[in-house]
Amino acid sequence: MAQQGPPPRRPARLPASGLPVQPAPRRHAADDGGPNPYGGSNPYPGQDPDLDDDQDLPPWAGLSISPRRPPRQGRESRPPRQGHGSGPRWQEHQPPDADEAGHPGAAGPGTGSRPRRAVAARARKARRKIYTWGGVAIAAAFLAAGAWQLFGPKAAAPRHSNFVTTYQPGDFRSVPNACQVISAGTLDQYLPGSRTRVLTAGSSRTESQCTWTLDARPLFRVLEVTAQAYAPSLLATGNGSATFSAMDDFGSARQGLASPPKATHRPKATIAPLSRLGDAAFSALQVVHDGRGRTDLVTVVVRDRNALVTVASQGLNHPAGGYGPVSVRQLEAGAVAAARQVLAGLH
């Protein structure tokens, strides 16, 4: 009987089931009754007696090795995708363990295949929303705090234990009529000629104002007299008495002449104190230029207890129009004389 050679090589392909099959043992002639090529008796027919069960197998002989195509020239082989190629394919067909099957969060094959770019983009978008809404919340908090400071309830001003709400002995409760208190002699001295007189509407028992105007070239003069008696006020400083009310307006008048509001278009005044006139007095000089000439304005403010007297005297210096010159000293003297007469009429 002719000796049979080794069987033809099987293609390196897995069966349709996808599970590896144990390779068939190599047959020898001794298995069919022929001579034993290894000599002696072989207790394991069809197997090499030199092979030991404990001998290490070559790396290609393991069951976990699946056949692969060699990489193309100049092209690196791709690493196996997550969930594929990391183990033998027969492991993919194994049922999950009892612990994994009962655990709702058990990760199956391909769970970590979400692209990292999409995850990073979602994280950036979430951070952007946090920053945006956080900034809006901070801005809203600042606006609310500012509105509360501006429009919120204000603490009531503490009242003094000696707060005054009535007139005190010596306070003036009325002022004289400004148009009648200035004598004709004073007017003829400082405003000589034909004058016009205007009594300001709204004059009352505690406030009076009158204006005289002289327009006779080369003289142009204006004299304005205002008198006011103050009453006790909760808005006044100090103890709220009538005297403190007059003192507050006296200080405001001085500040307004030293730094006039822009709407008045007047320059800052040169202020000088006046003595022996009421409880406190000062004189302020303003020179207003209009491009064709100038106007000298002298204002005298006097406070006597709770009464305030203001006299403004001005003269026009306009050579092209036939007016001038103007004596500032004479303007101040006329204002002081008018203020003295108003103080004399207080009661």
C-alpha atoms as a PDB file:
ATOM      1  CA  MET A   1       0.000   0.000   0.000  1.00  0.00           C
ATOM      2  CA  ALA A   2       1.397   3.377  -1.038  1.00  0.00           C
ATOM      3  CA  GLN A   3       2.380   5.804   1.692  1.00  0.00           C
ATOM      4  CA  GLN A   4       0.164   8.896   1.902  1.00  0.00           C
ATOM      5  CA  GLY A   5       1.698  12.334   2.196  1.00  0.00           C
ATOM      6  CA  PRO A   6       0.515  15.220   4.397  1.00  0.00           C
ATOM      7  CA  PRO A   7      -2.941  16.594   3.643  1.00  0.00           C
ATOM      8  CA  PRO A   8      -3.230  19.891   1.727  1.00  0.00           C
ATOM      9  CA  ARG A   9      -3.080  23.108   3.743  1.00  0.00           C
ATOM     10  CA  ARG A  10      -6.393  24.575   4.790  1.00  0.00           C
ATOM     11  CA  PRO A  11      -7.021  28.197   4.052  1.00  0.00           C
ATOM     12  CA  ALA A  12      -6.579  30.534   7.021  1.00  0.00           C
ATOM     13  CA  ARG A  13     -10.240  31.394   7.202  1.00  0.00           C
ATOM     14  CA  LEU A  14     -12.687  30.972  10.005  1.00  0.00           C
ATOM     15  CA  PRO A  15     -15.807  28.932   9.468  1.00  0.00           C
ATOM     16  CA  ALA A  16     -19.137  30.597   8.916  1.00  0.00           C
ATOM     17  CA  SER A  17     -19.966  30.365  12.599  1.00  0.00           C
ATOM     18  CA  GLY A  18     -17.041  32.600  13.441  1.00  0.00           C
ATOM     19  CA  LEU A  19     -15.714  30.169  16.067  1.00  0.00           C
ATOM     20  CA  PRO A  20     -12.271  28.619  15.717  1.00  0.00           C
ATOM     21  CA  VAL A  21     -12.100  24.882  15.135  1.00  0.00           C
ATOM     22  CA  GLN A  22      -9.459  22.626  16.593  1.00  0.00           C
ATOM     23  CA  PRO A  23      -7.129  21.643  13.696  1.00  0.00           C
ATOM     24  CA  ALA A  24      -7.138  18.038  12.700  1.00  0.00           C
ATOM     25  CA  PRO A  25      -4.097  15.991  13.835  1.00  0.00           C
ATOM     26  CA  ARG A  26      -1.468  15.146  11.306  1.00  0.00           C
ATOM     27  CA  ARG A  27      -1.741  11.602  10.063  1.00  0.00           C
ATOM     28  CA  HIS A  28       1.214   9.272   9.431  1.00  0.00           C
ATOM     29  CA  ALA A  29       1.655   6.076   7.594  1.00  0.00           C
ATOM     30  CA  ALA A  30       1.766   4.203  10.861  1.00  0.00           C
ATOM     31  CA  ASP A  31      -1.827   5.143  11.435  1.00  0.00           C
ATOM     32  CA  ASP A  32      -2.803   3.116   8.383  1.00  0.00           C
ATOM     33  CA  GLY A  33      -0.583   0.137   9.259  1.00  0.00           C
ATOM     34  CA  GLY A  34       2.579   1.413   7.625  1.00  0.00           C
ATOM     35  CA  PRO A  35       6.000   1.777   9.182  1.00  0.00           C
ATOM     36  CA  ASN A  36       6.317   4.277  11.987  1.00  0.00           C
ATOM     37  CA  PRO A  37       8.683   7.084  10.850  1.00  0.00           C
ATOM     38  CA  TYR A  38       9.560   7.867  14.452  1.00  0.00           C
ATOM     39  CA  GLY A  39      10.462   4.291  15.298  1.00  0.00           C
ATOM     40  CA  GLY A  40       9.143   2.234  18.137  1.00  0.00           C
ATOM     41  CA  SER A  41       5.608   2.336  19.271  1.00  0.00           C
ATOM     42  CA  ASN A  42       3.740   5.674  19.316  1.00  0.00           C
ATOM     43  CA  PRO A  43       1.161   5.747  22.064  1.00  0.00           C
ATOM     44  CA  TYR A  44      -0.403   8.840  20.408  1.00  0.00           C
ATOM     45  CA  PRO A  45      -1.189   7.902  16.851  1.00  0.00           C
ATOM     46  CA  GLY A  46      -1.129  10.867  14.474  1.00  0.00           C
ATOM     47  CA  GLN A  47       0.895  13.071  16.854  1.00  0.00           C
ATOM     48  CA  ASP A  48       4.579  13.781  17.069  1.00  0.00           C
ATOM     49  CA  PRO A  49       6.060  12.024  20.084  1.00  0.00           C
ATOM     50  CA  ASP A  50       8.648  14.848  20.425  1.00  0.00           C
ATOM     51  CA  LEU A  51       5.953  17.406  21.156  1.00  0.00           C
ATOM     52  CA  ASP A  52       5.343  17.992  24.797  1.00  0.00           C
ATOM     53  CA  ASP A  53       1.987  19.168  26.089  1.00  0.00           C
ATOM     54  CA  ASP A  54       3.777  21.750  28.285  1.00  0.00           C
ATOM     55  CA  GLN A  55       5.889  23.103  25.441  1.00  0.00           C
ATOM     56  CA  ASP A  56       5.183  26.772  24.589  1.00  0.00           C
ATOM     57  CA  LEU A  57       3.299  27.215  21.377  1.00  0.00           C
ATOM     58  CA  PRO A  58       4.384  29.729  18.771  1.00  0.00           C
ATOM     59  CA  PRO A  59       2.576  33.060  18.886  1.00  0.00           C
ATOM     60  CA  TRP A  60       0.620  32.302  15.749  1.00  0.00           C
ATOM     61  CA  ALA A  61      -0.843  29.086  17.132  1.00  0.00           C
ATOM     62  CA  GLY A  62      -3.069  30.579  19.824  1.00  0.00           C
ATOM     63  CA  LEU A  63      -6.837  30.523  19.540  1.00  0.00           C
ATOM     64  CA  SER A  64      -7.007  34.287  20.059  1.00  0.00           C
ATOM     65  CA  ILE A  65      -5.145  34.968  16.834  1.00  0.00           C
ATOM     66  CA  SER A  66      -7.242  35.786  13.820  1.00  0.00           C
ATOM     67  CA  PRO A  67      -5.716  35.898  10.338  1.00  0.00           C
ATOM     68  CA  ARG A  68      -4.898  39.380   9.068  1.00  0.00           C
ATOM     69  CA  ARG A  69      -3.758  40.787   5.781  1.00  0.00           C
ATOM     70  CA  PRO A  70      -0.198  42.156   5.801  1.00  0.00           C
ATOM     71  CA  PRO A  71      -0.025  45.990   5.591  1.00  0.00           C
ATOM     72  CA  ARG A  72       0.532  47.613   2.252  1.00  0.00           C
ATOM     73  CA  GLN A  73       3.873  49.008   1.248  1.00  0.00           C
ATOM     74  CA  GLY A  74       4.511  52.402   2.916  1.00  0.00           C
ATOM     75  CA  ARG A  75       1.254  52.335   4.900  1.00  0.00           C
ATOM     76  CA  GLU A  76       1.002  51.728   8.592  1.00  0.00           C
ATOM     77  CA  SER A  77      -1.583  49.354   9.851  1.00  0.00           C
ATOM     78  CA  ARG A  78      -4.435  50.926  11.743  1.00  0.00           C
ATOM     79  CA  PRO A  79      -4.884  49.987  15.378  1.00  0.00           C
ATOM     80  CA  PRO A  80      -7.960  47.910  16.034  1.00  0.00           C
ATOM     81  CA  ARG A  81     -11.061  49.934  16.794  1.00  0.00           C
ATOM     82  CA  GLN A  82     -12.340  49.948  20.309  1.00  0.00           C
ATOM     83  CA  GLY A  83     -14.608  46.981  20.809  1.00  0.00           C
ATOM     84  CA  HIS A  84     -13.208  45.106  17.756  1.00  0.00           C
ATOM     85  CA  GLY A  85     -10.022  43.156  17.393  1.00  0.00           C
ATOM     86  CA  SER A  86      -9.056  43.507  21.043  1.00  0.00           C
ATOM     87  CA  GLY A  87      -9.740  39.827  21.637  1.00  0.00           C
ATOM     88  CA  PRO A  88     -10.834  36.723  19.809  1.00  0.00           C
ATOM     89  CA  ARG A  89     -14.081  37.043  17.943  1.00  0.00           C
ATOM     90  CA  TRP A  90     -15.586  34.164  19.846  1.00  0.00           C
ATOM     91  CA  GLN A  91     -15.564  36.364  22.940  1.00  0.00           C
ATOM     92  CA  GLU A  92     -17.971  38.764  21.225  1.00  0.00           C
ATOM     93  CA  HIS A  93     -20.534  35.993  20.990  1.00  0.00           C
ATOM     94  CA  GLN A  94     -20.285  35.081  24.665  1.00  0.00           C
ATOM     95  CA  PRO A  95     -23.329  36.078  26.751  1.00  0.00           C
ATOM     96  CA  PRO A  96     -22.682  38.779  29.372  1.00  0.00           C
ATOM     97  CA  ASP A  97     -21.955  37.764  32.909  1.00  0.00           C
ATOM     98  CA  ALA A  98     -24.740  37.797  35.402  1.00  0.00           C
ATOM     99  CA  ASP A  99     -23.306  40.885  37.148  1.00  0.00           C
ATOM    100  CA  GLU A 100     -22.953  42.813  33.916  1.00  0.00           C
ATOM    101  CA  ALA A 101     -26.361  41.785  32.642  1.00  0.00           C
ATOM    102  CA  GLY A 102     -28.086  42.920  35.790  1.00  0.00           C
ATOM    103  CA  HIS A 103     -26.157  46.214  36.061  1.00  0.00           C
ATOM    104  CA  PRO A 104     -27.917  49.006  34.153  1.00  0.00           C
ATOM    105  CA  GLY A 105     -24.702  50.942  33.622  1.00  0.00           C
ATOM    106  CA  ALA A 106     -22.671  48.056  32.203  1.00  0.00           C
ATOM    107  CA  ALA A 107     -20.759  49.184  29.154  1.00  0.00           C
ATOM    108  CA  GLY A 108     -21.199  47.098  26.041  1.00  0.00           C
ATOM    109  CA  PRO A 109     -19.044  46.878  22.949  1.00  0.00           C
ATOM    110  CA  GLY A 110     -18.493  50.208  21.238  1.00  0.00           C
ATOM    111  CA  THR A 111     -19.628  52.349  24.180  1.00  0.00           C
ATOM    112  CA  GLY A 112     -16.537  54.579  24.142  1.00  0.00           C
ATOM    113  CA  SER A 113     -16.670  55.236  20.404  1.00  0.00           C
ATOM    114  CA  ARG A 114     -18.161  58.765  20.731  1.00  0.00           C
ATOM    115  CA  PRO A 115     -15.847  61.240  19.010  1.00  0.00           C
ATOM    116  CA  ARG A 116     -13.775  63.253  21.424  1.00  0.00           C
ATOM    117  CA  ARG A 117     -14.260  66.421  19.371  1.00  0.00           C
ATOM    118  CA  ALA A 118     -18.007  66.368  19.898  1.00  0.00           C
ATOM    119  CA  VAL A 119     -17.557  65.892  23.641  1.00  0.00           C
ATOM    120  CA  ALA A 120     -15.030  68.754  23.838  1.00  0.00           C
ATOM    121  CA  ALA A 121     -17.330  71.034  21.796  1.00  0.00           C
ATOM    122  CA  ARG A 122     -20.240  70.365  24.134  1.00  0.00           C
ATOM    123  CA  ALA A 123     -18.022  71.092  27.142  1.00  0.00           C
ATOM    124  CA  ARG A 124     -16.886  74.409  25.651  1.00  0.00           C
ATOM    125  CA  LYS A 125     -20.474  75.356  24.864  1.00  0.00           C
ATOM    126  CA  ALA A 126     -21.532  74.579  28.443  1.00  0.00           C
ATOM    127  CA  ARG A 127     -18.685  76.675  29.868  1.00  0.00           C
ATOM    128  CA  ARG A 128     -19.585  79.544  27.546  1.00  0.00           C
ATOM    129  CA  LYS A 129     -23.170  79.491  28.796  1.00  0.00           C
ATOM    130  CA  ILE A 130     -21.992  79.501  32.402  1.00  0.00           C
ATOM    131  CA  TYR A 131     -19.703  82.498  31.807  1.00  0.00           C
ATOM    132  CA  THR A 132     -22.398  84.425  29.888  1.00  0.00           C
ATOM    133  CA  TRP A 133     -25.193  83.932  32.382  1.00  0.00           C
ATOM    134  CA  GLY A 134     -22.820  84.467  35.286  1.00  0.00           C
ATOM    135  CA  GLY A 135     -21.798  87.853  33.867  1.00  0.00           C
ATOM    136  CA  VAL A 136     -25.443  88.791  33.302  1.00  0.00           C
ATOM    137  CA  ALA A 137     -26.276  87.872  36.901  1.00  0.00           C
ATOM    138  CA  ILE A 138     -23.384  89.953  38.279  1.00  0.00           C
ATOM    139  CA  ALA A 139     -24.354  92.980  36.142  1.00  0.00           C
ATOM    140  CA  ALA A 140     -27.984  92.685  37.252  1.00  0.00           C
ATOM    141  CA  ALA A 141     -26.884  92.536  40.895  1.00  0.00           C
ATOM    142  CA  PHE A 142     -24.807  95.718  40.492  1.00  0.00           C
ATOM    143  CA  LEU A 143     -27.689  97.524  38.779  1.00  0.00           C
ATOM    144  CA  ALA A 144     -30.119  96.467  41.472  1.00  0.00           C
ATOM    145  CA  ALA A 145     -27.742  97.643  44.202  1.00  0.00           C
ATOM    146  CA  GLY A 146     -27.288 101.021  42.476  1.00  0.00           C
ATOM    147  CA  ALA A 147     -31.035 101.456  42.035  1.00  0.00           C
ATOM    148  CA  TRP A 148     -31.576 100.641  45.688  1.00  0.00           C
ATOM    149  CA  GLN A 149     -29.024 103.250  46.726  1.00  0.00           C
ATOM    150  CA  LEU A 150     -30.583 105.906  44.476  1.00  0.00           C
ATOM    151  CA  PHE A 151     -34.293 105.192  44.793  1.00  0.00           C
ATOM    152  CA  GLY A 152     -34.537 103.064  47.918  1.00  0.00           C
ATOM    153  CA  PRO A 153     -35.921 104.363  51.196  1.00  0.00           C
ATOM    154  CA  LYS A 154     -33.678 106.861  52.904  1.00  0.00           C
ATOM    155  CA  ALA A 155     -33.075 106.907  56.612  1.00  0.00           C
ATOM    156  CA  ALA A 156     -34.788 109.797  58.306  1.00  0.00           C
ATOM    157  CA  ALA A 157     -32.506 112.588  59.429  1.00  0.00           C
ATOM    158  CA  PRO A 158     -31.981 112.438  63.158  1.00  0.00           C
ATOM    159  CA  ARG A 159     -33.844 115.116  64.976  1.00  0.00           C
ATOM    160  CA  HIS A 160     -32.126 117.156  67.637  1.00  0.00           C
ATOM    161  CA  SER A 161     -33.472 117.014  71.106  1.00  0.00           C
ATOM    162  CA  ASN A 162     -33.572 120.836  71.064  1.00  0.00           C
ATOM    163  CA  PHE A 163     -35.147 121.083  67.607  1.00  0.00           C
ATOM    164  CA  VAL A 164     -36.837 124.467  67.087  1.00  0.00           C
ATOM    165  CA  THR A 165     -40.202 124.637  65.335  1.00  0.00           C
ATOM    166  CA  THR A 166     -41.352 128.144  66.304  1.00  0.00           C
ATOM    167  CA  TYR A 167     -40.011 131.676  66.019  1.00  0.00           C
ATOM    168  CA  GLN A 168     -37.560 132.630  68.723  1.00  0.00           C
ATOM    169  CA  PRO A 169     -37.412 135.976  70.541  1.00  0.00           C
ATOM    170  CA  GLY A 170     -35.831 138.589  68.267  1.00  0.00           C
ATOM    171  CA  ASP A 171     -36.703 136.763  64.984  1.00  0.00           C
ATOM    172  CA  PHE A 172     -38.179 138.883  62.196  1.00  0.00           C
ATOM    173  CA  ARG A 173     -41.583 137.730  60.996  1.00  0.00           C
ATOM    174  CA  SER A 174     -41.948 140.231  58.153  1.00  0.00           C
ATOM    175  CA  VAL A 175     -39.908 142.495  55.884  1.00  0.00           C
ATOM    176  CA  PRO A 176     -40.636 146.038  54.639  1.00  0.00           C
ATOM    177  CA  ASN A 177     -41.846 146.771  51.137  1.00  0.00           C
ATOM    178  CA  ALA A 178     -38.690 147.050  49.070  1.00  0.00           C
ATOM    179  CA  CYS A 179     -40.091 149.736  46.751  1.00  0.00           C
ATOM    180  CA  GLN A 180     -41.070 151.987  49.652  1.00  0.00           C
ATOM    181  CA  VAL A 181     -38.186 151.460  52.049  1.00  0.00           C
ATOM    182  CA  ILE A 182     -35.524 152.981  49.768  1.00  0.00           C
ATOM    183  CA  SER A 183     -35.583 156.724  50.148  1.00  0.00           C
ATOM    184  CA  ALA A 184     -35.831 159.147  47.218  1.00  0.00           C
ATOM    185  CA  GLY A 185     -32.574 160.799  48.339  1.00  0.00           C
ATOM    186  CA  THR A 186     -30.660 157.520  48.011  1.00  0.00           C
ATOM    187  CA  LEU A 187     -32.142 156.929  44.557  1.00  0.00           C
ATOM    188  CA  ASP A 188     -31.326 160.475  43.390  1.00  0.00           C
ATOM    189  CA  GLN A 189     -27.739 160.084  44.558  1.00  0.00           C
ATOM    190  CA  TYR A 190     -26.953 156.790  42.869  1.00  0.00           C
ATOM    191  CA  LEU A 191     -29.523 156.779  40.044  1.00  0.00           C
ATOM    192  CA  PRO A 192     -29.938 160.456  39.108  1.00  0.00           C
ATOM    193  CA  GLY A 193     -32.463 161.212  36.408  1.00  0.00           C
ATOM    194  CA  SER A 194     -35.720 159.744  35.177  1.00  0.00           C
ATOM    195  CA  ARG A 195     -36.074 156.247  36.613  1.00  0.00           C
ATOM    196  CA  THR A 196     -38.499 153.396  36.079  1.00  0.00           C
ATOM    197  CA  ARG A 197     -39.621 151.184  38.932  1.00  0.00           C
ATOM    198  CA  VAL A 198     -40.810 147.597  38.831  1.00  0.00           C
ATOM    199  CA  LEU A 199     -42.309 145.737  41.788  1.00  0.00           C
ATOM    200  CA  THR A 200     -41.782 142.020  41.344  1.00  0.00           C
ATOM    201  CA  ALA A 201     -45.004 140.028  41.449  1.00  0.00           C
ATOM    202  CA  GLY A 202     -45.353 137.528  44.249  1.00  0.00           C
ATOM    203  CA  SER A 203     -44.100 139.823  47.001  1.00  0.00           C
ATOM    204  CA  SER A 204     -45.524 138.942  50.386  1.00  0.00           C
ATOM    205  CA  ARG A 205     -45.233 139.842  54.013  1.00  0.00           C
ATOM    206  CA  THR A 206     -42.058 137.784  54.427  1.00  0.00           C
ATOM    207  CA  GLU A 207     -40.504 138.510  51.008  1.00  0.00           C
ATOM    208  CA  SER A 208     -40.283 141.621  48.849  1.00  0.00           C
ATOM    209  CA  GLN A 209     -38.354 142.647  45.723  1.00  0.00           C
ATOM    210  CA  CYS A 210     -38.162 145.876  43.740  1.00  0.00           C
ATOM    211  CA  THR A 211     -36.059 147.017  40.741  1.00  0.00           C
ATOM    212  CA  TRP A 212     -35.162 150.533  39.500  1.00  0.00           C
ATOM    213  CA  THR A 213     -33.690 151.223  36.070  1.00  0.00           C
ATOM    214  CA  LEU A 214     -32.005 154.426  34.829  1.00  0.00           C
ATOM    215  CA  ASP A 215     -31.313 154.871  31.119  1.00  0.00           C
ATOM    216  CA  ALA A 216     -29.917 158.389  30.520  1.00  0.00           C
ATOM    217  CA  ARG A 217     -26.703 158.570  28.492  1.00  0.00           C
ATOM    218  CA  PRO A 218     -23.986 158.346  29.567  1.00  0.00           C
ATOM    219  CA  LEU A 219     -25.528 156.559  32.562  1.00  0.00           C
ATOM    220  CA  PHE A 220     -27.199 153.152  32.518  1.00  0.00           C
ATOM    221  CA  ARG A 221     -27.867 151.831  36.009  1.00  0.00           C
ATOM    222  CA  VAL A 222     -29.951 149.013  37.507  1.00  0.00           C
ATOM    223  CA  LEU A 223     -30.635 148.641  41.242  1.00  0.00           C
ATOM    224  CA  GLU A 224     -32.406 145.530  42.532  1.00  0.00           C
ATOM    225  CA  VAL A 225     -33.330 145.070  46.201  1.00  0.00           C
ATOM    226  CA  THR A 226     -34.589 141.794  47.742  1.00  0.00           C
ATOM    227  CA  ALA A 227     -35.555 141.160  51.370  1.00  0.00           C
ATOM    228  CA  GLN A 228     -36.703 137.886  52.942  1.00  0.00           C
ATOM    229  CA  ALA A 229     -37.502 136.728  56.470  1.00  0.00           C
ATOM    230  CA  TYR A 230     -37.079 132.942  57.076  1.00  0.00           C
ATOM    231  CA  ALA A 231     -39.192 130.669  59.241  1.00  0.00           C
ATOM    232  CA  PRO A 232     -38.117 127.525  61.133  1.00  0.00           C
ATOM    233  CA  SER A 233     -37.699 124.531  58.814  1.00  0.00           C
ATOM    234  CA  LEU A 234     -37.114 120.817  59.167  1.00  0.00           C
ATOM    235  CA  LEU A 235     -34.759 121.056  56.173  1.00  0.00           C
ATOM    236  CA  ALA A 236     -32.492 123.585  57.843  1.00  0.00           C
ATOM    237  CA  THR A 237     -29.195 122.623  59.392  1.00  0.00           C
ATOM    238  CA  GLY A 238     -28.440 122.973  63.080  1.00  0.00           C
ATOM    239  CA  ASN A 239     -31.541 122.981  65.220  1.00  0.00           C
ATOM    240  CA  GLY A 240     -33.849 123.982  62.338  1.00  0.00           C
ATOM    241  CA  SER A 241     -34.521 127.468  63.651  1.00  0.00           C
ATOM    242  CA  ALA A 242     -35.343 130.456  61.443  1.00  0.00           C
ATOM    243  CA  THR A 243     -31.820 131.811  61.949  1.00  0.00           C
ATOM    244  CA  PHE A 244     -30.260 128.569  60.698  1.00  0.00           C
ATOM    245  CA  SER A 245     -32.511 128.722  57.631  1.00  0.00           C
ATOM    246  CA  ALA A 246     -31.187 132.224  56.821  1.00  0.00           C
ATOM    247  CA  MET A 247     -27.618 131.083  57.436  1.00  0.00           C
ATOM    248  CA  ASP A 248     -28.060 128.207  54.953  1.00  0.00           C
ATOM    249  CA  ASP A 249     -29.233 130.540  52.167  1.00  0.00           C
ATOM    250  CA  PHE A 250     -26.485 133.043  52.990  1.00  0.00           C
ATOM    251  CA  GLY A 251     -23.870 130.334  52.409  1.00  0.00           C
ATOM    252  CA  SER A 252     -25.609 129.151  49.227  1.00  0.00           C
ATOM    253  CA  ALA A 253     -25.606 132.711  47.830  1.00  0.00           C
ATOM    254  CA  ARG A 254     -21.879 133.074  48.471  1.00  0.00           C
ATOM    255  CA  GLN A 255     -21.169 129.714  46.819  1.00  0.00           C
ATOM    256  CA  GLY A 256     -23.346 130.595  43.820  1.00  0.00           C
ATOM    257  CA  LEU A 257     -21.410 133.828  43.211  1.00  0.00           C
ATOM    258  CA  ALA A 258     -18.006 132.207  43.691  1.00  0.00           C
ATOM    259  CA  SER A 259     -18.852 129.380  41.264  1.00  0.00           C
ATOM    260  CA  PRO A 260     -21.863 130.397  39.146  1.00  0.00           C
ATOM    261  CA  PRO A 261     -23.836 127.684  37.318  1.00  0.00           C
ATOM    262  CA  LYS A 262     -22.982 127.354  33.635  1.00  0.00           C
ATOM    263  CA  ALA A 263     -26.551 128.265  32.662  1.00  0.00           C
ATOM    264  CA  THR A 264     -26.048 131.838  33.976  1.00  0.00           C
ATOM    265  CA  HIS A 265     -23.067 132.476  31.643  1.00  0.00           C
ATOM    266  CA  ARG A 266     -21.540 134.693  34.296  1.00  0.00           C
ATOM    267  CA  PRO A 267     -17.912 134.754  35.460  1.00  0.00           C
ATOM    268  CA  LYS A 268     -16.742 133.909  38.944  1.00  0.00           C
ATOM    269  CA  ALA A 269     -17.095 136.776  41.371  1.00  0.00           C
ATOM    270  CA  THR A 270     -14.406 138.451  43.431  1.00  0.00           C
ATOM    271  CA  ILE A 271     -15.742 138.286  46.997  1.00  0.00           C
ATOM    272  CA  ALA A 272     -14.795 140.553  49.894  1.00  0.00           C
ATOM    273  CA  PRO A 273     -16.299 140.622  53.413  1.00  0.00           C
ATOM    274  CA  LEU A 274     -18.118 143.671  54.710  1.00  0.00           C
ATOM    275  CA  SER A 275     -18.001 144.793  58.337  1.00  0.00           C
ATOM    276  CA  ARG A 276     -20.484 146.598  60.574  1.00  0.00           C
ATOM    277  CA  LEU A 277     -23.405 145.456  58.481  1.00  0.00           C
ATOM    278  CA  GLY A 278     -25.838 142.997  60.086  1.00  0.00           C
ATOM    279  CA  ASP A 279     -24.568 139.726  61.547  1.00  0.00           C
ATOM    280  CA  ALA A 280     -22.647 138.802  58.375  1.00  0.00           C
ATOM    281  CA  ALA A 281     -22.166 140.452  54.992  1.00  0.00           C
ATOM    282  CA  PHE A 282     -20.004 140.293  51.858  1.00  0.00           C
ATOM    283  CA  SER A 283     -19.629 142.064  48.531  1.00  0.00           C
ATOM    284  CA  ALA A 284     -19.123 140.287  45.180  1.00  0.00           C
ATOM    285  CA  LEU A 285     -17.899 141.865  41.905  1.00  0.00           C
ATOM    286  CA  GLN A 286     -18.535 140.301  38.462  1.00  0.00           C
ATOM    287  CA  VAL A 287     -17.398 141.802  35.160  1.00  0.00           C
ATOM    288  CA  VAL A 288     -19.413 140.551  32.191  1.00  0.00           C
ATOM    289  CA  HIS A 289     -18.021 141.131  28.657  1.00  0.00           C
ATOM    290  CA  ASP A 290     -20.307 140.969  25.623  1.00  0.00           C
ATOM    291  CA  GLY A 291     -17.872 141.819  22.810  1.00  0.00           C
ATOM    292  CA  ARG A 292     -18.966 145.464  22.458  1.00  0.00           C
ATOM    293  CA  GLY A 293     -18.478 146.556  26.059  1.00  0.00           C
ATOM    294  CA  ARG A 294     -18.762 145.337  29.595  1.00  0.00           C
ATOM    295  CA  THR A 295     -21.174 145.340  32.504  1.00  0.00           C
ATOM    296  CA  ASP A 296     -19.950 145.740  36.075  1.00  0.00           C
ATOM    297  CA  LEU A 297     -22.184 143.975  38.600  1.00  0.00           C
ATOM    298  CA  VAL A 298     -21.808 144.457  42.363  1.00  0.00           C
ATOM    299  CA  THR A 299     -23.849 142.233  44.721  1.00  0.00           C
ATOM    300  CA  VAL A 300     -24.121 142.896  48.456  1.00  0.00           C
ATOM    301  CA  VAL A 301     -25.586 140.153  50.669  1.00  0.00           C
ATOM    302  CA  VAL A 302     -26.388 140.835  54.341  1.00  0.00           C
ATOM    303  CA  ARG A 303     -27.826 138.526  57.018  1.00  0.00           C
ATOM    304  CA  ASP A 304     -29.384 139.855  60.213  1.00  0.00           C
ATOM    305  CA  ARG A 305     -30.668 137.042  62.422  1.00  0.00           C
ATOM    306  CA  ASN A 306     -33.276 135.261  60.262  1.00  0.00           C
ATOM    307  CA  ALA A 307     -33.515 137.989  57.571  1.00  0.00           C
ATOM    308  CA  LEU A 308     -31.526 138.072  54.350  1.00  0.00           C
ATOM    309  CA  VAL A 309     -31.075 141.255  52.283  1.00  0.00           C
ATOM    310  CA  THR A 310     -29.613 141.135  48.767  1.00  0.00           C
ATOM    311  CA  VAL A 311     -28.858 144.287  46.730  1.00  0.00           C
ATOM    312  CA  ALA A 312     -27.475 144.121  43.165  1.00  0.00           C
ATOM    313  CA  SER A 313     -26.174 147.281  41.481  1.00  0.00           C
ATOM    314  CA  GLN A 314     -24.903 147.265  37.891  1.00  0.00           C
ATOM    315  CA  GLY A 315     -23.610 149.791  35.387  1.00  0.00           C
ATOM    316  CA  LEU A 316     -23.029 149.549  31.615  1.00  0.00           C
ATOM    317  CA  ASN A 317     -19.718 150.629  30.095  1.00  0.00           C
ATOM    318  CA  HIS A 318     -20.257 150.756  26.301  1.00  0.00           C
ATOM    319  CA  PRO A 319     -18.349 153.675  24.722  1.00  0.00           C
ATOM    320  CA  ALA A 320     -19.635 152.914  21.191  1.00  0.00           C
ATOM    321  CA  GLY A 321     -23.200 153.217  22.434  1.00  0.00           C
ATOM    322  CA  GLY A 322     -22.552 156.358  24.450  1.00  0.00           C
ATOM    323  CA  TYR A 323     -22.534 154.707  27.883  1.00  0.00           C
ATOM    324  CA  GLY A 324     -19.844 154.921  30.511  1.00  0.00           C
ATOM    325  CA  PRO A 325     -17.596 155.075  32.277  1.00  0.00           C
ATOM    326  CA  VAL A 326     -18.665 153.135  35.397  1.00  0.00           C
ATOM    327  CA  SER A 327     -17.288 153.502  38.928  1.00  0.00           C
ATOM    328  CA  VAL A 328     -17.281 150.172  40.773  1.00  0.00           C
ATOM    329  CA  ARG A 329     -16.779 151.994  44.071  1.00  0.00           C
ATOM    330  CA  GLN A 330     -19.936 154.035  43.493  1.00  0.00           C
ATOM    331  CA  LEU A 331     -21.929 150.921  42.583  1.00  0.00           C
ATOM    332  CA  GLU A 332     -20.894 149.247  45.857  1.00  0.00           C
ATOM    333  CA  ALA A 333     -21.666 152.349  47.900  1.00  0.00           C
ATOM    334  CA  GLY A 334     -25.185 152.550  46.467  1.00  0.00           C
ATOM    335  CA  ALA A 335     -25.799 148.825  47.215  1.00  0.00           C
ATOM    336  CA  VAL A 336     -24.599 149.190  50.802  1.00  0.00           C
ATOM    337  CA  ALA A 337     -26.767 152.270  51.357  1.00  0.00           C
ATOM    338  CA  ALA A 338     -29.878 150.457  50.093  1.00  0.00           C
ATOM    339  CA  ALA A 339     -29.114 147.408  52.285  1.00  0.00           C
ATOM    340  CA  ARG A 340     -28.859 149.598  55.396  1.00  0.00           C
ATOM    341  CA  GLN A 341     -32.251 151.101  54.768  1.00  0.00           C
ATOM    342  CA  VAL A 342     -33.863 147.653  54.374  1.00  0.00           C
ATOM    343  CA  LEU A 343     -32.256 146.456  57.618  1.00  0.00           C
ATOM    344  CA  ALA A 344     -33.626 149.509  59.369  1.00  0.00           C
ATOM    345  CA  GLY A 345     -37.135 148.626  58.234  1.00  0.00           C
ATOM    346  CA  LEU A 346     -37.088 145.057  59.623  1.00  0.00           C
ATOM    347  CA  HIS A 347     -39.416 144.348  62.531  1.00  0.00           C
END
